[in-house]
Protein backbone atom coordinates (compact mmCIF):
# COMPACT_ATOMS: atom_id res chain seq x y z
CA MET A 1 -7.30 -1.77 4.86
CA GLU A 2 -8.13 1.31 6.92
CA SER A 3 -4.48 2.25 7.52
CA LEU A 4 -4.02 2.62 3.75
CA ARG A 5 -7.06 4.85 3.22
CA PRO A 6 -4.97 8.06 3.12
CA LEU A 7 -2.86 6.44 0.40
CA ALA A 8 -5.95 5.59 -1.69
CA VAL A 9 -7.14 9.19 -1.36
CA TRP A 10 -3.68 10.49 -2.35
CA ILE A 11 -3.51 8.17 -5.37
CA ASN A 12 -6.95 9.26 -6.59
CA ALA A 13 -5.97 12.93 -6.23
CA ASN A 14 -2.64 12.45 -8.02
CA GLY A 15 -3.37 10.77 -11.33
CA GLY A 16 -5.39 7.73 -10.32
CA ARG A 17 -4.72 4.04 -9.84
CA PRO A 18 -3.71 3.07 -13.40
CA ASP A 19 -0.96 5.71 -13.50
CA PHE A 20 0.24 4.98 -9.97
CA ALA A 21 0.30 1.22 -10.56
CA ARG A 22 2.43 1.75 -13.66
CA LYS A 23 4.86 3.97 -11.73
CA VAL A 24 5.38 1.39 -8.98
CA GLY A 25 5.51 -1.57 -11.35
CA CYS A 26 2.39 -3.53 -10.53
CA SER A 27 -0.98 -4.08 -12.16
CA GLU A 28 -3.96 -1.92 -11.27
CA PRO A 29 -5.94 -4.94 -9.99
CA HIS A 30 -3.03 -5.93 -7.72
CA LEU A 31 -2.79 -2.37 -6.37
CA SER A 32 -6.54 -2.37 -5.69
CA GLU A 33 -6.24 -5.65 -3.80
CA ILE A 34 -3.41 -4.21 -1.68
CA LEU A 35 -5.39 -1.06 -0.91
CA SER A 36 -8.47 -3.10 0.06
CA GLY A 37 -6.42 -5.40 2.29
CA SER A 38 -7.21 -8.58 0.38
CA LYS A 39 -3.56 -8.96 -0.70
CA GLN A 40 -0.33 -8.01 0.99
CA ALA A 41 2.41 -6.05 -0.79
CA SER A 42 5.91 -7.44 -0.83
CA LEU A 43 8.42 -5.38 1.11
CA LYS A 44 9.98 -4.23 -2.17
CA LEU A 45 6.62 -3.08 -3.54
CA ALA A 46 5.62 -1.47 -0.23
CA VAL A 47 8.81 0.62 -0.29
CA LYS A 48 8.16 1.64 -3.91
CA ILE A 49 4.59 2.63 -3.08
CA ALA A 50 5.58 4.62 0.00
CA CYS A 51 8.35 6.45 -1.87
CA GLU A 52 6.24 7.20 -4.94
CA ALA A 53 3.46 8.57 -2.72
CA ASN A 54 5.84 10.83 -0.79
CA ASN A 55 5.42 8.68 2.34
CA VAL A 56 1.77 9.65 2.78
CA VAL A 57 1.69 6.32 4.63
CA PRO A 58 4.82 4.72 6.06
CA VAL A 59 6.07 1.34 4.89
CA GLU A 60 4.99 -0.04 8.27
CA ALA A 61 1.34 0.53 7.26
CA PHE A 62 1.69 -2.40 4.86
CA VAL A 63 2.70 -4.83 7.60
CA VAL A 64 -0.08 -7.10 8.77
CA PRO A 65 0.52 -8.29 12.34
CA THR A 66 0.72 -12.02 12.91
CA ARG A 67 -0.50 -13.81 15.98
CA ALA A 68 3.05 -14.10 17.30
CA SER A 69 3.68 -10.36 17.03
CA GLU A 70 0.24 -9.59 18.50
CA ALA A 71 1.05 -11.81 21.49
CA ALA A 72 4.31 -9.96 22.05
CA GLU A 73 2.51 -6.63 22.55
């Protein structure tokens, strides 16, 4: 997911994915899937990730628009 690219860069520069995944309480494979956009983070996990990464990306970056919200724009 392109909007999470700055987060992936930050994670790699600050200890790497295994360490970051441990800090936020998820597995490294699950974190990789979230960063690639193949899985969506729960709101709870998205908040943990954003806080742990000093809000390098806002929680809103984890929200994937649905057709209903796209139609409302």
